Amino acid sequence: MTGLRRLSHAVAEGDGISILVEVADRAAARTAEAEGAEGLAVRAHAAGVREASQLPLLWMAGSFREAKEAGADAVVLVAADAGDRLEELFEEAHELGLECVVRVRDEDELEAVLERVDPEVLLLSAEGAEDGQHYLDRLLELLPDVPAGKLAIAELASAGGEDLAALERAGVDAVLLAAPGGG
């Protein structure tokens, strides 16, 4: 990675569990940074976000080339959507100088991703939760399968202090909080 802002470094160097916040505009980016976020995430080109903050920027949707042009430092690669192109897309992100965060929903996806591309950073989603299963329980089920030395980011719509404490105790490195009313 040629950029100065590496998401993995921000997460690994943080005290305790790192917070990444999804933002939609310049004001939200400034607020998140002022409140202690260690990284920002966007789902599309959000006007002024890159200019408003020097925090690492995680691009969550769209093309990797678009992410690079928008000043992103890392991209999310959704394992379920990548299918047979997982290796190709992973390599494309790296060729563009972007860190690649691979999103997984269950143990099978996690195992396949680790065998096929061995990413440094994994985004654990509770999307694969069974009916009635609490999102936190789902995330904690995935965590033991993340190898030592890999960074684990939990994807949450929201999280209270107890949730964050439980995730930190379990070994989650960071939490990605969705934008209010979004994602």
N, C-alpha and C. Protein backbone atom coordinates (compact mmCIF):
# COMPACT_ATOMS: atom_id res chain seq x y z
N MET A 1 0.85 -1.18 0.00
CA MET A 1 0.00 0.00 0.00
C MET A 1 0.89 1.24 0.00
N THR A 2 0.62 2.14 -0.88
CA THR A 2 1.46 3.31 -1.00
C THR A 2 0.95 4.49 -0.19
N GLY A 3 -0.32 4.47 0.23
CA GLY A 3 -0.89 5.60 0.96
C GLY A 3 -0.34 5.69 2.38
N LEU A 4 -0.54 6.85 2.97
CA LEU A 4 -0.09 7.08 4.33
C LEU A 4 -1.10 6.56 5.35
N ARG A 5 -2.34 6.39 4.93
CA ARG A 5 -3.40 6.00 5.85
C ARG A 5 -3.74 4.53 5.63
N ARG A 6 -3.25 3.67 6.48
CA ARG A 6 -3.58 2.24 6.37
C ARG A 6 -4.60 1.91 7.44
N LEU A 7 -5.71 1.37 7.00
CA LEU A 7 -6.76 0.98 7.91
C LEU A 7 -6.24 -0.04 8.92
N SER A 8 -5.49 -1.02 8.44
CA SER A 8 -4.98 -2.06 9.34
C SER A 8 -4.10 -1.47 10.44
N HIS A 9 -3.31 -0.48 10.13
CA HIS A 9 -2.46 0.14 11.14
C HIS A 9 -3.30 0.91 12.16
N ALA A 10 -4.29 1.64 11.69
CA ALA A 10 -5.15 2.40 12.59
C ALA A 10 -5.87 1.46 13.57
N VAL A 11 -6.33 0.33 13.06
CA VAL A 11 -7.03 -0.65 13.90
C VAL A 11 -6.06 -1.33 14.86
N ALA A 12 -4.93 -1.77 14.36
CA ALA A 12 -3.98 -2.51 15.19
C ALA A 12 -3.34 -1.63 16.27
N GLU A 13 -3.14 -0.36 15.97
CA GLU A 13 -2.45 0.52 16.91
C GLU A 13 -3.38 1.16 17.92
N GLY A 14 -4.68 1.04 17.72
CA GLY A 14 -5.63 1.68 18.63
C GLY A 14 -5.60 1.07 20.01
N ASP A 15 -5.96 1.86 21.00
CA ASP A 15 -6.10 1.37 22.37
C ASP A 15 -7.47 0.73 22.49
N GLY A 16 -7.51 -0.52 22.89
CA GLY A 16 -8.78 -1.21 23.01
C GLY A 16 -9.38 -1.48 21.64
N ILE A 17 -10.69 -1.54 21.60
CA ILE A 17 -11.39 -1.83 20.35
C ILE A 17 -11.50 -0.54 19.54
N SER A 18 -11.18 -0.60 18.26
CA SER A 18 -11.25 0.58 17.39
C SER A 18 -12.67 0.73 16.85
N ILE A 19 -13.06 1.97 16.64
CA ILE A 19 -14.38 2.25 16.10
C ILE A 19 -14.21 2.86 14.70
N LEU A 20 -14.89 2.24 13.74
CA LEU A 20 -14.97 2.75 12.38
C LEU A 20 -16.42 3.17 12.18
N VAL A 21 -16.64 4.32 11.59
CA VAL A 21 -17.99 4.85 11.47
C VAL A 21 -18.32 5.11 10.01
N GLU A 22 -19.47 4.60 9.60
CA GLU A 22 -19.96 4.90 8.25
C GLU A 22 -20.50 6.32 8.24
N VAL A 23 -20.07 7.10 7.26
CA VAL A 23 -20.49 8.50 7.15
C VAL A 23 -21.01 8.77 5.74
N ALA A 24 -21.80 9.82 5.61
CA ALA A 24 -22.37 10.15 4.32
C ALA A 24 -21.91 11.51 3.79
N ASP A 25 -21.30 12.32 4.66
CA ASP A 25 -20.89 13.65 4.20
C ASP A 25 -19.77 14.20 5.08
N ARG A 26 -19.33 15.38 4.71
CA ARG A 26 -18.21 16.06 5.38
C ARG A 26 -18.50 16.27 6.87
N ALA A 27 -19.70 16.73 7.19
CA ALA A 27 -20.05 17.01 8.58
C ALA A 27 -20.00 15.74 9.43
N ALA A 28 -20.54 14.66 8.90
CA ALA A 28 -20.52 13.40 9.64
C ALA A 28 -19.09 12.90 9.83
N ALA A 29 -18.25 13.10 8.83
CA ALA A 29 -16.84 12.70 8.93
C ALA A 29 -16.14 13.47 10.03
N ARG A 30 -16.37 14.77 10.07
CA ARG A 30 -15.74 15.59 11.11
C ARG A 30 -16.24 15.20 12.50
N THR A 31 -17.54 14.95 12.62
CA THR A 31 -18.11 14.55 13.90
C THR A 31 -17.52 13.22 14.36
N ALA A 32 -17.47 12.25 13.45
CA ALA A 32 -16.93 10.93 13.80
C ALA A 32 -15.48 11.04 14.27
N GLU A 33 -14.69 11.83 13.56
CA GLU A 33 -13.29 11.99 13.95
C GLU A 33 -13.18 12.68 15.31
N ALA A 34 -13.98 13.71 15.53
CA ALA A 34 -13.96 14.43 16.80
C ALA A 34 -14.38 13.54 17.97
N GLU A 35 -15.23 12.56 17.69
CA GLU A 35 -15.72 11.66 18.74
C GLU A 35 -14.82 10.43 18.92
N GLY A 36 -13.69 10.40 18.22
CA GLY A 36 -12.71 9.35 18.46
C GLY A 36 -12.68 8.18 17.49
N ALA A 37 -13.41 8.27 16.40
CA ALA A 37 -13.36 7.20 15.40
C ALA A 37 -11.92 7.05 14.91
N GLU A 38 -11.55 5.82 14.58
CA GLU A 38 -10.20 5.58 14.07
C GLU A 38 -10.20 5.29 12.58
N GLY A 39 -11.40 5.32 11.98
CA GLY A 39 -11.54 5.15 10.55
C GLY A 39 -12.95 5.51 10.14
N LEU A 40 -13.10 5.83 8.85
CA LEU A 40 -14.40 6.18 8.29
C LEU A 40 -14.74 5.20 7.18
N ALA A 41 -16.04 5.04 6.93
CA ALA A 41 -16.49 4.17 5.84
C ALA A 41 -17.57 4.90 5.05
N VAL A 42 -17.58 4.67 3.75
CA VAL A 42 -18.60 5.25 2.87
C VAL A 42 -19.12 4.18 1.93
N ARG A 43 -20.39 4.31 1.52
CA ARG A 43 -20.99 3.38 0.57
C ARG A 43 -20.95 3.94 -0.85
N ALA A 44 -20.69 5.18 -0.99
CA ALA A 44 -20.60 5.82 -2.31
C ALA A 44 -19.74 7.06 -2.14
N HIS A 45 -19.44 7.70 -3.26
CA HIS A 45 -18.64 8.91 -3.17
C HIS A 45 -19.40 9.92 -2.33
N ALA A 46 -18.89 10.23 -1.18
CA ALA A 46 -19.53 11.16 -0.26
C ALA A 46 -18.76 12.47 -0.33
N ALA A 47 -19.43 13.48 -0.82
CA ALA A 47 -18.79 14.77 -1.05
C ALA A 47 -18.09 15.29 0.19
N GLY A 48 -16.80 15.57 0.03
CA GLY A 48 -16.03 16.22 1.07
C GLY A 48 -15.50 15.33 2.18
N VAL A 49 -15.85 14.04 2.20
CA VAL A 49 -15.40 13.18 3.29
C VAL A 49 -13.89 13.07 3.30
N ARG A 50 -13.28 12.82 2.15
CA ARG A 50 -11.82 12.67 2.11
C ARG A 50 -11.14 13.96 2.52
N GLU A 51 -11.68 15.09 2.12
CA GLU A 51 -11.07 16.38 2.45
C GLU A 51 -11.28 16.75 3.92
N ALA A 52 -12.33 16.22 4.54
CA ALA A 52 -12.67 16.58 5.92
C ALA A 52 -11.86 15.83 6.96
N SER A 53 -11.22 14.72 6.57
CA SER A 53 -10.55 13.90 7.56
C SER A 53 -9.34 13.19 6.96
N GLN A 54 -8.34 13.00 7.79
CA GLN A 54 -7.17 12.22 7.39
C GLN A 54 -7.25 10.78 7.89
N LEU A 55 -8.38 10.42 8.52
CA LEU A 55 -8.56 9.04 8.98
C LEU A 55 -8.61 8.10 7.77
N PRO A 56 -8.24 6.84 7.96
CA PRO A 56 -8.36 5.88 6.86
C PRO A 56 -9.81 5.80 6.39
N LEU A 57 -9.99 5.70 5.09
CA LEU A 57 -11.32 5.67 4.49
C LEU A 57 -11.57 4.32 3.84
N LEU A 58 -12.62 3.63 4.30
CA LEU A 58 -13.01 2.32 3.81
C LEU A 58 -14.19 2.47 2.86
N TRP A 59 -14.01 2.01 1.63
CA TRP A 59 -15.03 2.08 0.58
C TRP A 59 -15.83 0.79 0.62
N MET A 60 -17.16 0.89 0.79
CA MET A 60 -17.97 -0.28 1.03
C MET A 60 -18.81 -0.76 -0.15
N ALA A 61 -18.88 0.00 -1.22
CA ALA A 61 -19.68 -0.41 -2.37
C ALA A 61 -19.15 0.26 -3.63
N GLY A 62 -19.43 -0.34 -4.77
CA GLY A 62 -18.96 0.23 -6.03
C GLY A 62 -17.64 -0.36 -6.46
N SER A 63 -17.12 0.20 -7.52
CA SER A 63 -15.89 -0.35 -8.10
C SER A 63 -14.66 0.09 -7.32
N PHE A 64 -13.63 -0.73 -7.39
CA PHE A 64 -12.39 -0.41 -6.71
C PHE A 64 -11.72 0.80 -7.36
N ARG A 65 -11.84 0.92 -8.67
CA ARG A 65 -11.26 2.09 -9.35
C ARG A 65 -11.93 3.38 -8.88
N GLU A 66 -13.23 3.33 -8.72
CA GLU A 66 -13.98 4.48 -8.20
C GLU A 66 -13.50 4.80 -6.78
N ALA A 67 -13.28 3.77 -5.99
CA ALA A 67 -12.78 3.96 -4.63
C ALA A 67 -11.43 4.67 -4.64
N LYS A 68 -10.54 4.23 -5.49
CA LYS A 68 -9.21 4.83 -5.58
C LYS A 68 -9.32 6.30 -5.99
N GLU A 69 -10.16 6.58 -6.98
CA GLU A 69 -10.35 7.96 -7.45
C GLU A 69 -10.93 8.85 -6.36
N ALA A 70 -11.74 8.27 -5.47
CA ALA A 70 -12.37 9.04 -4.40
C ALA A 70 -11.45 9.21 -3.19
N GLY A 71 -10.25 8.63 -3.24
CA GLY A 71 -9.31 8.79 -2.16
C GLY A 71 -9.42 7.75 -1.06
N ALA A 72 -10.12 6.65 -1.33
CA ALA A 72 -10.24 5.59 -0.32
C ALA A 72 -8.89 4.93 -0.08
N ASP A 73 -8.74 4.37 1.10
CA ASP A 73 -7.52 3.68 1.48
C ASP A 73 -7.70 2.17 1.50
N ALA A 74 -8.96 1.74 1.65
CA ALA A 74 -9.28 0.32 1.73
C ALA A 74 -10.66 0.10 1.12
N VAL A 75 -10.90 -1.14 0.70
CA VAL A 75 -12.20 -1.50 0.11
C VAL A 75 -12.72 -2.77 0.77
N VAL A 76 -14.05 -2.90 0.77
CA VAL A 76 -14.68 -4.12 1.24
C VAL A 76 -14.93 -5.01 0.03
N LEU A 77 -14.49 -6.24 0.13
CA LEU A 77 -14.76 -7.26 -0.88
C LEU A 77 -15.71 -8.26 -0.23
N VAL A 78 -16.94 -8.33 -0.73
CA VAL A 78 -17.95 -9.21 -0.16
C VAL A 78 -17.76 -10.60 -0.75
N ALA A 79 -17.35 -11.54 0.10
CA ALA A 79 -17.04 -12.89 -0.37
C ALA A 79 -18.22 -13.52 -1.10
N ALA A 80 -19.43 -13.34 -0.57
CA ALA A 80 -20.62 -13.95 -1.17
C ALA A 80 -20.89 -13.42 -2.58
N ASP A 81 -20.56 -12.16 -2.83
CA ASP A 81 -20.79 -11.57 -4.14
C ASP A 81 -19.67 -11.86 -5.12
N ALA A 82 -18.47 -12.11 -4.62
CA ALA A 82 -17.30 -12.30 -5.48
C ALA A 82 -17.30 -13.63 -6.21
N GLY A 83 -17.78 -14.67 -5.54
CA GLY A 83 -17.83 -16.00 -6.16
C GLY A 83 -16.50 -16.42 -6.72
N ASP A 84 -16.49 -16.84 -7.99
CA ASP A 84 -15.28 -17.32 -8.66
C ASP A 84 -14.26 -16.21 -8.91
N ARG A 85 -14.66 -14.97 -8.74
CA ARG A 85 -13.76 -13.84 -9.01
C ARG A 85 -13.04 -13.35 -7.76
N LEU A 86 -13.15 -14.07 -6.66
CA LEU A 86 -12.56 -13.61 -5.40
C LEU A 86 -11.08 -13.27 -5.55
N GLU A 87 -10.30 -14.18 -6.08
CA GLU A 87 -8.86 -13.94 -6.23
C GLU A 87 -8.58 -12.75 -7.15
N GLU A 88 -9.30 -12.68 -8.25
CA GLU A 88 -9.12 -11.59 -9.22
C GLU A 88 -9.42 -10.24 -8.58
N LEU A 89 -10.52 -10.14 -7.85
CA LEU A 89 -10.90 -8.87 -7.22
C LEU A 89 -9.94 -8.51 -6.08
N PHE A 90 -9.51 -9.49 -5.33
CA PHE A 90 -8.55 -9.26 -4.26
C PHE A 90 -7.26 -8.68 -4.84
N GLU A 91 -6.79 -9.28 -5.91
CA GLU A 91 -5.57 -8.81 -6.58
C GLU A 91 -5.77 -7.41 -7.16
N GLU A 92 -6.93 -7.15 -7.74
CA GLU A 92 -7.22 -5.83 -8.31
C GLU A 92 -7.10 -4.75 -7.24
N ALA A 93 -7.66 -5.01 -6.07
CA ALA A 93 -7.58 -4.03 -4.98
C ALA A 93 -6.12 -3.73 -4.64
N HIS A 94 -5.32 -4.78 -4.51
CA HIS A 94 -3.91 -4.59 -4.16
C HIS A 94 -3.14 -3.88 -5.26
N GLU A 95 -3.45 -4.19 -6.52
CA GLU A 95 -2.77 -3.51 -7.64
C GLU A 95 -3.07 -2.02 -7.64
N LEU A 96 -4.25 -1.64 -7.14
CA LEU A 96 -4.63 -0.23 -7.08
C LEU A 96 -4.08 0.46 -5.82
N GLY A 97 -3.38 -0.32 -4.98
CA GLY A 97 -2.81 0.25 -3.76
C GLY A 97 -3.82 0.35 -2.62
N LEU A 98 -4.87 -0.44 -2.68
CA LEU A 98 -5.92 -0.41 -1.67
C LEU A 98 -5.83 -1.64 -0.77
N GLU A 99 -6.02 -1.45 0.53
CA GLU A 99 -6.14 -2.60 1.41
C GLU A 99 -7.48 -3.27 1.11
N CYS A 100 -7.52 -4.57 1.25
CA CYS A 100 -8.73 -5.32 0.94
C CYS A 100 -9.26 -5.97 2.22
N VAL A 101 -10.45 -5.54 2.62
CA VAL A 101 -11.13 -6.08 3.79
C VAL A 101 -12.19 -7.04 3.25
N VAL A 102 -12.09 -8.32 3.59
CA VAL A 102 -13.01 -9.30 3.03
C VAL A 102 -14.14 -9.58 4.02
N ARG A 103 -15.36 -9.38 3.53
CA ARG A 103 -16.57 -9.56 4.36
C ARG A 103 -17.07 -10.99 4.25
N VAL A 104 -17.25 -11.62 5.43
CA VAL A 104 -17.74 -13.00 5.48
C VAL A 104 -18.94 -13.08 6.43
N ARG A 105 -19.85 -14.03 6.12
CA ARG A 105 -21.07 -14.18 6.91
C ARG A 105 -21.13 -15.46 7.73
N ASP A 106 -20.33 -16.44 7.37
CA ASP A 106 -20.41 -17.70 8.09
C ASP A 106 -19.07 -18.43 8.03
N GLU A 107 -19.02 -19.55 8.73
CA GLU A 107 -17.78 -20.31 8.85
C GLU A 107 -17.29 -20.83 7.50
N ASP A 108 -18.21 -21.26 6.64
CA ASP A 108 -17.81 -21.78 5.33
C ASP A 108 -17.18 -20.69 4.47
N GLU A 109 -17.78 -19.51 4.45
CA GLU A 109 -17.19 -18.40 3.69
C GLU A 109 -15.82 -18.04 4.25
N LEU A 110 -15.73 -17.99 5.56
CA LEU A 110 -14.45 -17.64 6.20
C LEU A 110 -13.37 -18.64 5.81
N GLU A 111 -13.68 -19.92 5.89
CA GLU A 111 -12.71 -20.96 5.54
C GLU A 111 -12.27 -20.83 4.08
N ALA A 112 -13.23 -20.64 3.18
CA ALA A 112 -12.91 -20.51 1.76
C ALA A 112 -12.04 -19.28 1.49
N VAL A 113 -12.37 -18.17 2.12
CA VAL A 113 -11.60 -16.93 1.93
C VAL A 113 -10.17 -17.11 2.41
N LEU A 114 -10.01 -17.72 3.57
CA LEU A 114 -8.66 -17.93 4.10
C LEU A 114 -7.83 -18.84 3.21
N GLU A 115 -8.45 -19.84 2.62
CA GLU A 115 -7.74 -20.75 1.72
C GLU A 115 -7.39 -20.09 0.39
N ARG A 116 -8.30 -19.24 -0.09
CA ARG A 116 -8.13 -18.69 -1.44
C ARG A 116 -7.31 -17.41 -1.51
N VAL A 117 -7.47 -16.49 -0.54
CA VAL A 117 -6.76 -15.21 -0.64
C VAL A 117 -6.02 -14.78 0.62
N ASP A 118 -6.29 -15.38 1.76
CA ASP A 118 -5.59 -15.11 3.01
C ASP A 118 -5.46 -13.61 3.31
N PRO A 119 -6.60 -12.91 3.50
CA PRO A 119 -6.55 -11.47 3.77
C PRO A 119 -6.02 -11.15 5.15
N GLU A 120 -5.50 -9.95 5.30
CA GLU A 120 -5.02 -9.47 6.60
C GLU A 120 -6.18 -9.02 7.48
N VAL A 121 -7.24 -8.50 6.83
CA VAL A 121 -8.37 -7.93 7.56
C VAL A 121 -9.67 -8.59 7.12
N LEU A 122 -10.47 -9.02 8.11
CA LEU A 122 -11.76 -9.66 7.84
C LEU A 122 -12.87 -8.84 8.46
N LEU A 123 -13.96 -8.68 7.72
CA LEU A 123 -15.16 -8.01 8.21
C LEU A 123 -16.19 -9.09 8.50
N LEU A 124 -16.50 -9.28 9.77
CA LEU A 124 -17.43 -10.33 10.17
C LEU A 124 -18.84 -9.76 10.22
N SER A 125 -19.74 -10.39 9.49
CA SER A 125 -21.12 -9.93 9.40
C SER A 125 -22.04 -10.89 10.14
N ALA A 126 -23.05 -10.33 10.80
CA ALA A 126 -24.06 -11.16 11.47
C ALA A 126 -25.19 -11.51 10.52
N GLU A 127 -25.01 -11.20 9.24
CA GLU A 127 -26.04 -11.45 8.24
C GLU A 127 -26.43 -12.93 8.19
N GLY A 128 -25.53 -13.82 8.53
CA GLY A 128 -25.81 -15.25 8.49
C GLY A 128 -26.47 -15.79 9.74
N ALA A 129 -26.93 -14.89 10.62
CA ALA A 129 -27.55 -15.34 11.87
C ALA A 129 -28.81 -16.14 11.59
N GLU A 130 -29.00 -17.17 12.39
CA GLU A 130 -30.20 -17.98 12.27
C GLU A 130 -31.37 -17.24 12.89
N ASP A 131 -32.60 -17.66 12.54
CA ASP A 131 -33.79 -17.03 13.11
C ASP A 131 -33.71 -17.03 14.63
N GLY A 132 -33.92 -15.87 15.21
CA GLY A 132 -33.90 -15.74 16.66
C GLY A 132 -32.52 -15.59 17.27
N GLN A 133 -31.47 -15.76 16.48
CA GLN A 133 -30.11 -15.64 17.02
C GLN A 133 -29.72 -14.16 17.11
N HIS A 134 -29.20 -13.76 18.24
CA HIS A 134 -28.77 -12.39 18.45
C HIS A 134 -27.54 -12.11 17.59
N TYR A 135 -27.47 -10.92 17.01
CA TYR A 135 -26.34 -10.57 16.12
C TYR A 135 -25.00 -10.71 16.83
N LEU A 136 -24.95 -10.36 18.10
CA LEU A 136 -23.69 -10.44 18.83
C LEU A 136 -23.24 -11.90 18.97
N ASP A 137 -24.19 -12.79 19.23
CA ASP A 137 -23.86 -14.22 19.34
C ASP A 137 -23.32 -14.73 18.02
N ARG A 138 -23.90 -14.30 16.91
CA ARG A 138 -23.45 -14.74 15.58
C ARG A 138 -22.01 -14.29 15.33
N LEU A 139 -21.71 -13.04 15.65
CA LEU A 139 -20.36 -12.53 15.45
C LEU A 139 -19.36 -13.28 16.32
N LEU A 140 -19.74 -13.56 17.55
CA LEU A 140 -18.84 -14.26 18.47
C LEU A 140 -18.62 -15.71 18.05
N GLU A 141 -19.59 -16.31 17.32
CA GLU A 141 -19.40 -17.66 16.78
C GLU A 141 -18.34 -17.68 15.68
N LEU A 142 -18.28 -16.62 14.90
CA LEU A 142 -17.31 -16.55 13.79
C LEU A 142 -15.89 -16.28 14.29
N LEU A 143 -15.76 -15.55 15.34
CA LEU A 143 -14.45 -15.07 15.79
C LEU A 143 -13.42 -16.16 16.06
N PRO A 144 -13.76 -17.29 16.69
CA PRO A 144 -12.73 -18.30 16.96
C PRO A 144 -12.09 -18.88 15.70
N ASP A 145 -12.77 -18.76 14.56
CA ASP A 145 -12.23 -19.28 13.30
C ASP A 145 -11.29 -18.31 12.60
N VAL A 146 -11.16 -17.09 13.14
CA VAL A 146 -10.24 -16.11 12.57
C VAL A 146 -8.85 -16.42 13.12
N PRO A 147 -7.89 -16.72 12.24
CA PRO A 147 -6.54 -17.08 12.71
C PRO A 147 -5.84 -15.94 13.44
N ALA A 148 -4.97 -16.31 14.36
CA ALA A 148 -4.14 -15.32 15.05
C ALA A 148 -3.37 -14.52 14.01
N GLY A 149 -3.22 -13.25 14.26
CA GLY A 149 -2.49 -12.39 13.34
C GLY A 149 -3.37 -11.69 12.32
N LYS A 150 -4.62 -12.10 12.21
CA LYS A 150 -5.58 -11.44 11.32
C LYS A 150 -6.37 -10.43 12.14
N LEU A 151 -6.76 -9.33 11.51
CA LEU A 151 -7.60 -8.35 12.18
C LEU A 151 -9.06 -8.68 11.90
N ALA A 152 -9.87 -8.64 12.95
CA ALA A 152 -11.30 -8.93 12.84
C ALA A 152 -12.09 -7.67 13.16
N ILE A 153 -12.92 -7.28 12.20
CA ILE A 153 -13.80 -6.14 12.37
C ILE A 153 -15.23 -6.67 12.39
N ALA A 154 -15.99 -6.30 13.42
CA ALA A 154 -17.39 -6.71 13.52
C ALA A 154 -18.26 -5.64 12.88
N GLU A 155 -19.17 -6.06 12.01
CA GLU A 155 -20.07 -5.13 11.33
C GLU A 155 -21.39 -5.08 12.10
N LEU A 156 -21.76 -3.89 12.57
CA LEU A 156 -22.96 -3.72 13.38
C LEU A 156 -23.77 -2.52 12.92
N ALA A 157 -25.09 -2.62 13.06
CA ALA A 157 -25.94 -1.47 12.79
C ALA A 157 -25.77 -0.44 13.91
N SER A 158 -25.65 -0.94 15.13
CA SER A 158 -25.41 -0.08 16.28
C SER A 158 -24.83 -0.96 17.39
N ALA A 159 -24.24 -0.32 18.37
CA ALA A 159 -23.67 -1.09 19.48
C ALA A 159 -23.62 -0.22 20.72
N GLY A 160 -24.03 -0.81 21.81
CA GLY A 160 -23.93 -0.13 23.09
C GLY A 160 -22.62 -0.48 23.77
N GLY A 161 -22.38 0.12 24.90
CA GLY A 161 -21.15 -0.12 25.63
C GLY A 161 -20.95 -1.58 26.01
N GLU A 162 -22.04 -2.26 26.40
CA GLU A 162 -21.92 -3.67 26.78
C GLU A 162 -21.52 -4.53 25.57
N ASP A 163 -22.11 -4.24 24.41
CA ASP A 163 -21.77 -4.98 23.20
C ASP A 163 -20.30 -4.78 22.85
N LEU A 164 -19.85 -3.53 22.90
CA LEU A 164 -18.45 -3.24 22.58
C LEU A 164 -17.51 -3.94 23.55
N ALA A 165 -17.86 -3.93 24.82
CA ALA A 165 -17.02 -4.59 25.82
C ALA A 165 -16.96 -6.09 25.57
N ALA A 166 -18.09 -6.70 25.24
CA ALA A 166 -18.12 -8.14 24.97
C ALA A 166 -17.28 -8.48 23.74
N LEU A 167 -17.38 -7.67 22.70
CA LEU A 167 -16.59 -7.90 21.49
C LEU A 167 -15.11 -7.72 21.76
N GLU A 168 -14.76 -6.72 22.53
CA GLU A 168 -13.35 -6.49 22.85
C GLU A 168 -12.79 -7.64 23.68
N ARG A 169 -13.55 -8.10 24.67
CA ARG A 169 -13.10 -9.23 25.50
C ARG A 169 -12.88 -10.48 24.66
N ALA A 170 -13.72 -10.64 23.63
CA ALA A 170 -13.64 -11.83 22.78
C ALA A 170 -12.48 -11.74 21.78
N GLY A 171 -11.92 -10.55 21.60
CA GLY A 171 -10.78 -10.41 20.70
C GLY A 171 -11.05 -9.70 19.39
N VAL A 172 -12.22 -9.09 19.24
CA VAL A 172 -12.50 -8.30 18.04
C VAL A 172 -11.62 -7.06 18.08
N ASP A 173 -11.03 -6.73 16.95
CA ASP A 173 -10.11 -5.59 16.88
C ASP A 173 -10.81 -4.27 16.66
N ALA A 174 -11.94 -4.31 15.93
CA ALA A 174 -12.65 -3.07 15.60
C ALA A 174 -14.12 -3.37 15.36
N VAL A 175 -14.92 -2.32 15.42
CA VAL A 175 -16.34 -2.40 15.10
C VAL A 175 -16.63 -1.36 14.03
N LEU A 176 -17.34 -1.79 13.01
CA LEU A 176 -17.80 -0.88 11.95
C LEU A 176 -19.27 -0.60 12.23
N LEU A 177 -19.57 0.66 12.56
CA LEU A 177 -20.94 1.07 12.86
C LEU A 177 -21.57 1.68 11.62
N ALA A 178 -22.75 1.20 11.26
CA ALA A 178 -23.47 1.70 10.09
C ALA A 178 -23.94 3.12 10.34
N ALA A 179 -24.13 3.84 9.24
CA ALA A 179 -24.65 5.19 9.33
C ALA A 179 -26.08 5.14 9.86
N PRO A 180 -26.48 6.13 10.66
CA PRO A 180 -27.87 6.15 11.14
C PRO A 180 -28.83 6.15 9.95
N GLY A 181 -29.79 5.26 10.03
CA GLY A 181 -30.78 5.15 8.97
C GLY A 181 -30.29 4.49 7.71
N GLY A 182 -29.07 3.95 7.71
CA GLY A 182 -28.52 3.36 6.50
C GLY A 182 -28.04 1.96 6.74
N GLY A 183 -27.33 1.43 5.69
CA GLY A 183 -26.67 0.18 5.61
C GLY A 183 -26.79 -0.78 6.62
